[in-house]
Amino acid sequence: MPPARSFAAAVALAAALLLWPALFNGHPLLFSDSMDFLMMAQEPLQPGAIRPRGYPYAIMPFVALAGSAWAVVAAQAALTAWLALRVVVLLWPGVGAGGLVALSLLLAASSAPWAASYVMADALTAPLVLALLLALLPGAGRVERLAAGLVVLVAAASHTTHVAILLAASGALLLWRIADRAAPVGWVRAALPGVLAAAGFVASSLGTLAADGRFEYARASPQFLAARLA
């Protein structure tokens, strides 16, 4: 396992490399959806919003801190880099500093920089999967598991398909546990993705309830789910 200083340096390098599309563009990548999320972050109880509440609430402190989208994408890049490298360290304890640098370069050559560089709830899809792995893999510390669980919860409150991913993961783990009693996954861990999916659904619905008086995940949830599946 690499020293803490080497790991921190590798995370910083990976985070910087993940921002190359935004740096090349001269600005974080924005879509029409991005403007909705940014407005919701500035007005948390904005009525009539069609987006889930998790992502705008999560980026709220970064928007307030920097007054721009740069802090948002920087946080997304740092989160993605930390989760990716930490999962690799848990799966491959013998990896050294050179291996982490190589992985950082591989990440920079993948589609990860594009996701990290735009202000969209979809930027949490990869962190969702990585955080779920971190929460389930042996060797992670208690604080790491709590942090990973929080990431999964926020992602579940941010996009309909994130809820679907978690339910599918929980279903697969439960089936594995039923089929093989010796499986290295207990009932609690197998149910964890589903529990976090439900918690994220409730969290986003409570935000809509506070703003619009309706307990609803998001007004356009069916369209979001259909678009992602298509």
C-alpha atoms as a PDB file:
ATOM      1  CA  MET A   1       0.000   0.000   0.000  1.00  0.00           C
ATOM      2  CA  PRO A   2       1.473   3.393  -1.000  1.00  0.00           C
ATOM      3  CA  PRO A   3       2.315   5.954   1.719  1.00  0.00           C
ATOM      4  CA  ALA A   4      -0.371   8.494   2.523  1.00  0.00           C
ATOM      5  CA  ARG A   5       1.690  11.333   1.010  1.00  0.00           C
ATOM      6  CA  SER A   6       2.156   9.474  -2.279  1.00  0.00           C
ATOM      7  CA  PHE A   7      -1.532   8.603  -2.405  1.00  0.00           C
ATOM      8  CA  ALA A   8      -2.567  12.226  -1.766  1.00  0.00           C
ATOM      9  CA  ALA A   9      -0.190  13.425  -4.510  1.00  0.00           C
ATOM     10  CA  ALA A  10      -1.624  10.859  -6.936  1.00  0.00           C
ATOM     11  CA  VAL A  11      -5.183  11.976  -6.137  1.00  0.00           C
ATOM     12  CA  ALA A  12      -4.224  15.612  -6.753  1.00  0.00           C
ATOM     13  CA  LEU A  13      -2.619  14.664 -10.081  1.00  0.00           C
ATOM     14  CA  ALA A  14      -5.609  12.578 -11.163  1.00  0.00           C
ATOM     15  CA  ALA A  15      -8.045  15.340 -10.186  1.00  0.00           C
ATOM     16  CA  ALA A  16      -6.107  17.911 -12.214  1.00  0.00           C
ATOM     17  CA  LEU A  17      -5.980  15.598 -15.236  1.00  0.00           C
ATOM     18  CA  LEU A  18      -9.707  14.929 -14.996  1.00  0.00           C
ATOM     19  CA  LEU A  19     -10.354  18.640 -15.561  1.00  0.00           C
ATOM     20  CA  TRP A  20      -8.628  18.867 -18.939  1.00  0.00           C
ATOM     21  CA  PRO A  21     -11.872  19.252 -20.991  1.00  0.00           C
ATOM     22  CA  ALA A  22     -12.992  22.189 -18.828  1.00  0.00           C
ATOM     23  CA  LEU A  23      -9.514  23.739 -18.914  1.00  0.00           C
ATOM     24  CA  PHE A  24      -9.275  23.284 -22.705  1.00  0.00           C
ATOM     25  CA  ASN A  25     -12.753  24.780 -23.083  1.00  0.00           C
ATOM     26  CA  GLY A  26     -11.903  27.678 -20.779  1.00  0.00           C
ATOM     27  CA  HIS A  27     -15.032  27.008 -18.717  1.00  0.00           C
ATOM     28  CA  PRO A  28     -16.838  24.035 -17.171  1.00  0.00           C
ATOM     29  CA  LEU A  29     -19.029  22.212 -19.668  1.00  0.00           C
ATOM     30  CA  LEU A  30     -22.619  23.449 -19.380  1.00  0.00           C
ATOM     31  CA  PHE A  31     -25.872  22.185 -20.830  1.00  0.00           C
ATOM     32  CA  SER A  32     -29.417  23.499 -20.566  1.00  0.00           C
ATOM     33  CA  ASP A  33     -29.896  21.126 -17.609  1.00  0.00           C
ATOM     34  CA  SER A  34     -26.839  22.680 -15.959  1.00  0.00           C
ATOM     35  CA  MET A  35     -28.510  26.057 -15.739  1.00  0.00           C
ATOM     36  CA  ASP A  36     -31.492  24.488 -13.972  1.00  0.00           C
ATOM     37  CA  PHE A  37     -29.190  22.821 -11.435  1.00  0.00           C
ATOM     38  CA  LEU A  38     -27.267  26.034 -10.817  1.00  0.00           C
ATOM     39  CA  MET A  39     -30.470  28.027 -10.305  1.00  0.00           C
ATOM     40  CA  MET A  40     -31.791  25.369  -7.911  1.00  0.00           C
ATOM     41  CA  ALA A  41     -28.491  25.528  -6.012  1.00  0.00           C
ATOM     42  CA  GLN A  42     -28.941  29.300  -5.616  1.00  0.00           C
ATOM     43  CA  GLU A  43     -32.651  28.982  -4.765  1.00  0.00           C
ATOM     44  CA  PRO A  44     -33.041  25.696  -2.835  1.00  0.00           C
ATOM     45  CA  LEU A  45     -36.818  26.008  -2.474  1.00  0.00           C
ATOM     46  CA  GLN A  46     -37.474  27.126  -6.041  1.00  0.00           C
ATOM     47  CA  PRO A  47     -41.002  25.899  -6.898  1.00  0.00           C
ATOM     48  CA  GLY A  48     -41.904  24.156 -10.138  1.00  0.00           C
ATOM     49  CA  ALA A  49     -38.491  22.535 -10.691  1.00  0.00           C
ATOM     50  CA  ILE A  50     -38.544  19.347 -12.774  1.00  0.00           C
ATOM     51  CA  ARG A  51     -35.112  18.127 -11.591  1.00  0.00           C
ATOM     52  CA  PRO A  52     -34.357  15.922  -8.574  1.00  0.00           C
ATOM     53  CA  ARG A  53     -33.089  17.894  -5.592  1.00  0.00           C
ATOM     54  CA  GLY A  54     -29.992  15.909  -4.578  1.00  0.00           C
ATOM     55  CA  TYR A  55     -27.435  17.285  -7.048  1.00  0.00           C
ATOM     56  CA  PRO A  56     -28.290  20.995  -6.695  1.00  0.00           C
ATOM     57  CA  TYR A  57     -28.285  20.677  -2.916  1.00  0.00           C
ATOM     58  CA  ALA A  58     -24.887  18.932  -3.046  1.00  0.00           C
ATOM     59  CA  ILE A  59     -23.271  21.622  -5.211  1.00  0.00           C
ATOM     60  CA  MET A  60     -24.871  24.476  -3.254  1.00  0.00           C
ATOM     61  CA  PRO A  61     -21.863  25.161  -0.963  1.00  0.00           C
ATOM     62  CA  PHE A  62     -19.455  25.106  -3.921  1.00  0.00           C
ATOM     63  CA  VAL A  63     -21.585  27.543  -5.924  1.00  0.00           C
ATOM     64  CA  ALA A  64     -21.850  29.824  -2.896  1.00  0.00           C
ATOM     65  CA  LEU A  65     -18.119  29.531  -2.200  1.00  0.00           C
ATOM     66  CA  ALA A  66     -16.805  30.378  -5.658  1.00  0.00           C
ATOM     67  CA  GLY A  67     -19.765  32.080  -7.301  1.00  0.00           C
ATOM     68  CA  SER A  68     -19.112  29.982 -10.416  1.00  0.00           C
ATOM     69  CA  ALA A  69     -19.222  26.418 -11.683  1.00  0.00           C
ATOM     70  CA  TRP A  70     -15.448  25.928 -11.371  1.00  0.00           C
ATOM     71  CA  ALA A  71     -15.656  24.850  -7.734  1.00  0.00           C
ATOM     72  CA  VAL A  72     -18.329  22.313  -8.700  1.00  0.00           C
ATOM     73  CA  VAL A  73     -16.271  20.554 -11.364  1.00  0.00           C
ATOM     74  CA  ALA A  74     -13.129  20.738  -9.208  1.00  0.00           C
ATOM     75  CA  ALA A  75     -14.986  18.955  -6.407  1.00  0.00           C
ATOM     76  CA  GLN A  76     -16.327  16.366  -8.852  1.00  0.00           C
ATOM     77  CA  ALA A  77     -12.846  15.697 -10.222  1.00  0.00           C
ATOM     78  CA  ALA A  78     -11.356  15.367  -6.723  1.00  0.00           C
ATOM     79  CA  LEU A  79     -14.146  13.012  -5.635  1.00  0.00           C
ATOM     80  CA  THR A  80     -13.806  10.823  -8.728  1.00  0.00           C
ATOM     81  CA  ALA A  81     -10.015  10.697  -8.402  1.00  0.00           C
ATOM     82  CA  TRP A  82     -10.088   9.778  -4.705  1.00  0.00           C
ATOM     83  CA  LEU A  83     -12.704   7.057  -5.158  1.00  0.00           C
ATOM     84  CA  ALA A  84     -11.023   5.518  -8.205  1.00  0.00           C
ATOM     85  CA  LEU A  85      -7.557   5.391  -6.663  1.00  0.00           C
ATOM     86  CA  ARG A  86      -8.807   4.244  -3.261  1.00  0.00           C
ATOM     87  CA  VAL A  87     -10.752   1.350  -4.794  1.00  0.00           C
ATOM     88  CA  VAL A  88      -7.661   0.323  -6.767  1.00  0.00           C
ATOM     89  CA  VAL A  89      -5.546   0.379  -3.591  1.00  0.00           C
ATOM     90  CA  LEU A  90      -8.070  -1.859  -1.821  1.00  0.00           C
ATOM     91  CA  LEU A  91      -8.194  -4.306  -4.726  1.00  0.00           C
ATOM     92  CA  TRP A  92      -4.445  -4.179  -5.386  1.00  0.00           C
ATOM     93  CA  PRO A  93      -2.666  -3.443  -2.065  1.00  0.00           C
ATOM     94  CA  GLY A  94       0.736  -3.846  -3.698  1.00  0.00           C
ATOM     95  CA  VAL A  95       0.311  -0.924  -6.075  1.00  0.00           C
ATOM     96  CA  GLY A  96       3.003   1.708  -5.713  1.00  0.00           C
ATOM     97  CA  ALA A  97       3.252   5.389  -6.519  1.00  0.00           C
ATOM     98  CA  GLY A  98       4.187   4.613 -10.117  1.00  0.00           C
ATOM     99  CA  GLY A  99       1.087   2.471 -10.550  1.00  0.00           C
ATOM    100  CA  LEU A 100      -1.142   5.237  -9.217  1.00  0.00           C
ATOM    101  CA  VAL A 101       0.412   7.732 -11.642  1.00  0.00           C
ATOM    102  CA  ALA A 102      -0.186   5.298 -14.506  1.00  0.00           C
ATOM    103  CA  LEU A 103      -3.803   4.900 -13.437  1.00  0.00           C
ATOM    104  CA  SER A 104      -4.189   8.692 -13.314  1.00  0.00           C
ATOM    105  CA  LEU A 105      -3.008   8.897 -16.910  1.00  0.00           C
ATOM    106  CA  LEU A 106      -5.410   6.128 -17.930  1.00  0.00           C
ATOM    107  CA  LEU A 107      -8.278   7.992 -16.287  1.00  0.00           C
ATOM    108  CA  ALA A 108      -7.323  11.133 -18.205  1.00  0.00           C
ATOM    109  CA  ALA A 109      -7.526   9.168 -21.465  1.00  0.00           C
ATOM    110  CA  SER A 110     -10.970   7.740 -20.673  1.00  0.00           C
ATOM    111  CA  SER A 111     -14.403   9.338 -20.731  1.00  0.00           C
ATOM    112  CA  ALA A 112     -14.091  10.231 -17.028  1.00  0.00           C
ATOM    113  CA  PRO A 113     -12.740  13.780 -17.646  1.00  0.00           C
ATOM    114  CA  TRP A 114     -15.797  14.683 -19.707  1.00  0.00           C
ATOM    115  CA  ALA A 115     -18.184  13.572 -16.957  1.00  0.00           C
ATOM    116  CA  ALA A 116     -16.184  15.305 -14.232  1.00  0.00           C
ATOM    117  CA  SER A 117     -16.006  18.546 -16.229  1.00  0.00           C
ATOM    118  CA  TYR A 118     -19.707  19.146 -16.697  1.00  0.00           C
ATOM    119  CA  VAL A 119     -22.291  20.478 -14.283  1.00  0.00           C
ATOM    120  CA  MET A 120     -24.834  17.693 -14.470  1.00  0.00           C
ATOM    121  CA  ALA A 121     -26.207  15.064 -12.101  1.00  0.00           C
ATOM    122  CA  ASP A 122     -24.773  12.486 -14.523  1.00  0.00           C
ATOM    123  CA  ALA A 123     -21.332  13.456 -13.210  1.00  0.00           C
ATOM    124  CA  LEU A 124     -22.170  11.383 -10.123  1.00  0.00           C
ATOM    125  CA  THR A 125     -22.796   8.120 -12.000  1.00  0.00           C
ATOM    126  CA  ALA A 126     -19.195   6.880 -11.900  1.00  0.00           C
ATOM    127  CA  PRO A 127     -18.629   8.117  -8.315  1.00  0.00           C
ATOM    128  CA  LEU A 128     -21.825   6.262  -7.369  1.00  0.00           C
ATOM    129  CA  VAL A 129     -20.457   2.918  -8.561  1.00  0.00           C
ATOM    130  CA  LEU A 130     -17.005   3.551  -7.111  1.00  0.00           C
ATOM    131  CA  ALA A 131     -18.429   4.676  -3.762  1.00  0.00           C
ATOM    132  CA  LEU A 132     -20.627   1.590  -3.603  1.00  0.00           C
ATOM    133  CA  LEU A 133     -17.542  -0.572  -4.149  1.00  0.00           C
ATOM    134  CA  LEU A 134     -15.674   1.328  -1.440  1.00  0.00           C
ATOM    135  CA  ALA A 135     -18.559   0.851   0.982  1.00  0.00           C
ATOM    136  CA  LEU A 136     -18.709  -2.913   0.309  1.00  0.00           C
ATOM    137  CA  LEU A 137     -15.059  -3.891  -0.110  1.00  0.00           C
ATOM    138  CA  PRO A 138     -13.193  -5.236   2.921  1.00  0.00           C
ATOM    139  CA  GLY A 139     -10.299  -3.115   4.109  1.00  0.00           C
ATOM    140  CA  ALA A 140     -12.030   0.268   3.990  1.00  0.00           C
ATOM    141  CA  GLY A 141     -12.106   2.260   7.219  1.00  0.00           C
ATOM    142  CA  ARG A 142     -15.279   3.277   9.023  1.00  0.00           C
ATOM    143  CA  VAL A 143     -14.951   6.940   8.060  1.00  0.00           C
ATOM    144  CA  GLU A 144     -14.346   5.956   4.438  1.00  0.00           C
ATOM    145  CA  ARG A 145     -17.461   3.783   4.451  1.00  0.00           C
ATOM    146  CA  LEU A 146     -19.537   6.613   5.886  1.00  0.00           C
ATOM    147  CA  ALA A 147     -18.193   9.042   3.283  1.00  0.00           C
ATOM    148  CA  ALA A 148     -18.848   6.519   0.504  1.00  0.00           C
ATOM    149  CA  GLY A 149     -22.367   5.933   1.792  1.00  0.00           C
ATOM    150  CA  LEU A 150     -23.025   9.681   1.730  1.00  0.00           C
ATOM    151  CA  VAL A 151     -21.858   9.863  -1.899  1.00  0.00           C
ATOM    152  CA  VAL A 152     -24.184   7.001  -2.827  1.00  0.00           C
ATOM    153  CA  LEU A 153     -27.068   8.678  -0.997  1.00  0.00           C
ATOM    154  CA  VAL A 154     -26.536  12.002  -2.783  1.00  0.00           C
ATOM    155  CA  ALA A 155     -26.260  10.232  -6.149  1.00  0.00           C
ATOM    156  CA  ALA A 156     -29.484   8.337  -5.455  1.00  0.00           C
ATOM    157  CA  ALA A 157     -31.215  11.651  -4.749  1.00  0.00           C
ATOM    158  CA  SER A 158     -29.855  13.139  -7.972  1.00  0.00           C
ATOM    159  CA  HIS A 159     -30.990  10.938 -10.868  1.00  0.00           C
ATOM    160  CA  THR A 160     -33.660   8.321 -11.421  1.00  0.00           C
ATOM    161  CA  THR A 161     -31.279   5.897 -13.057  1.00  0.00           C
ATOM    162  CA  HIS A 162     -28.976   6.028 -10.053  1.00  0.00           C
ATOM    163  CA  VAL A 163     -31.864   4.599  -8.033  1.00  0.00           C
ATOM    164  CA  ALA A 164     -32.280   1.896 -10.680  1.00  0.00           C
ATOM    165  CA  ILE A 165     -28.555   1.066 -10.593  1.00  0.00           C
ATOM    166  CA  LEU A 166     -28.631   0.657  -6.816  1.00  0.00           C
ATOM    167  CA  LEU A 167     -31.748  -1.508  -6.852  1.00  0.00           C
ATOM    168  CA  ALA A 168     -30.172  -3.719  -9.512  1.00  0.00           C
ATOM    169  CA  ALA A 169     -26.958  -3.982  -7.483  1.00  0.00           C
ATOM    170  CA  SER A 170     -28.857  -4.895  -4.332  1.00  0.00           C
ATOM    171  CA  GLY A 171     -30.909  -7.470  -6.214  1.00  0.00           C
ATOM    172  CA  ALA A 172     -27.789  -9.076  -7.649  1.00  0.00           C
ATOM    173  CA  LEU A 173     -26.076  -9.228  -4.265  1.00  0.00           C
ATOM    174  CA  LEU A 174     -29.146 -10.695  -2.576  1.00  0.00           C
ATOM    175  CA  LEU A 175     -29.485 -13.353  -5.286  1.00  0.00           C
ATOM    176  CA  TRP A 176     -25.789 -14.183  -4.883  1.00  0.00           C
ATOM    177  CA  ARG A 177     -26.269 -14.528  -1.144  1.00  0.00           C
ATOM    178  CA  ILE A 178     -29.332 -16.777  -1.593  1.00  0.00           C
ATOM    179  CA  ALA A 179     -27.589 -18.959  -4.185  1.00  0.00           C
ATOM    180  CA  ASP A 180     -24.354 -19.285  -2.204  1.00  0.00           C
ATOM    181  CA  ARG A 181     -24.535 -19.166   1.572  1.00  0.00           C
ATOM    182  CA  ALA A 182     -20.728 -18.986   1.639  1.00  0.00           C
ATOM    183  CA  ALA A 183     -20.685 -15.801  -0.469  1.00  0.00           C
ATOM    184  CA  PRO A 184     -18.444 -13.082   1.053  1.00  0.00           C
ATOM    185  CA  VAL A 185     -21.414 -10.718   1.268  1.00  0.00           C
ATOM    186  CA  GLY A 186     -23.691 -10.665   4.288  1.00  0.00           C
ATOM    187  CA  TRP A 187     -27.392  -9.838   4.236  1.00  0.00           C
ATOM    188  CA  VAL A 188     -26.786  -6.324   5.529  1.00  0.00           C
ATOM    189  CA  ARG A 189     -24.245  -5.445   2.855  1.00  0.00           C
ATOM    190  CA  ALA A 190     -26.397  -7.046   0.156  1.00  0.00           C
ATOM    191  CA  ALA A 191     -29.353  -4.900   1.179  1.00  0.00           C
ATOM    192  CA  LEU A 192     -27.274  -1.707   1.581  1.00  0.00           C
ATOM    193  CA  PRO A 193     -27.571  -0.451  -2.043  1.00  0.00           C
ATOM    194  CA  GLY A 194     -31.348  -0.825  -1.913  1.00  0.00           C
ATOM    195  CA  VAL A 195     -31.562   0.949   1.434  1.00  0.00           C
ATOM    196  CA  LEU A 196     -29.470   3.861   0.127  1.00  0.00           C
ATOM    197  CA  ALA A 197     -31.604   3.994  -3.029  1.00  0.00           C
ATOM    198  CA  ALA A 198     -34.742   4.307  -0.913  1.00  0.00           C
ATOM    199  CA  ALA A 199     -33.104   6.939   1.307  1.00  0.00           C
ATOM    200  CA  GLY A 200     -32.084   8.989  -1.740  1.00  0.00           C
ATOM    201  CA  PHE A 201     -35.576   8.734  -3.190  1.00  0.00           C
ATOM    202  CA  VAL A 202     -37.090   9.955   0.067  1.00  0.00           C
ATOM    203  CA  ALA A 203     -34.527  12.768   0.423  1.00  0.00           C
ATOM    204  CA  SER A 204     -35.257  14.173  -3.029  1.00  0.00           C
ATOM    205  CA  SER A 205     -39.015  13.776  -2.489  1.00  0.00           C
ATOM    206  CA  LEU A 206     -38.813  15.687   0.789  1.00  0.00           C
ATOM    207  CA  GLY A 207     -37.079  18.533  -1.044  1.00  0.00           C
ATOM    208  CA  THR A 208     -39.912  18.630  -3.575  1.00  0.00           C
ATOM    209  CA  LEU A 209     -42.420  18.518  -0.743  1.00  0.00           C
ATOM    210  CA  ALA A 210     -40.802  21.535   0.915  1.00  0.00           C
ATOM    211  CA  ALA A 211     -40.760  23.507  -2.350  1.00  0.00           C
ATOM    212  CA  ASP A 212     -43.998  22.458  -4.052  1.00  0.00           C
ATOM    213  CA  GLY A 213     -46.065  20.680  -1.427  1.00  0.00           C
ATOM    214  CA  ARG A 214     -45.833  17.377  -3.329  1.00  0.00           C
ATOM    215  CA  PHE A 215     -43.987  14.271  -2.141  1.00  0.00           C
ATOM    216  CA  GLU A 216     -42.470  13.469  -5.531  1.00  0.00           C
ATOM    217  CA  TYR A 217     -38.947  12.464  -6.532  1.00  0.00           C
ATOM    218  CA  ALA A 218     -38.950  14.736  -9.583  1.00  0.00           C
ATOM    219  CA  ARG A 219     -41.627  15.866 -11.990  1.00  0.00           C
ATOM    220  CA  ALA A 220     -39.759  14.563 -15.035  1.00  0.00           C
ATOM    221  CA  SER A 221     -38.530  11.283 -13.520  1.00  0.00           C
ATOM    222  CA  PRO A 222     -40.083   8.986 -16.184  1.00  0.00           C
ATOM    223  CA  GLN A 223     -38.497  11.011 -19.002  1.00  0.00           C
ATOM    224  CA  PHE A 224     -35.064  10.963 -17.308  1.00  0.00           C
ATOM    225  CA  LEU A 225     -35.244   7.205 -16.818  1.00  0.00           C
ATOM    226  CA  ALA A 226     -36.412   6.550 -20.390  1.00  0.00           C
ATOM    227  CA  ALA A 227     -33.727   8.813 -21.866  1.00  0.00           C
ATOM    228  CA  ARG A 228     -30.887   7.124 -19.973  1.00  0.00           C
ATOM    229  CA  LEU A 229     -32.134   3.619 -20.798  1.00  0.00           C
ATOM    230  CA  ALA A 230     -32.467   4.579 -24.477  1.00  0.00           C
END
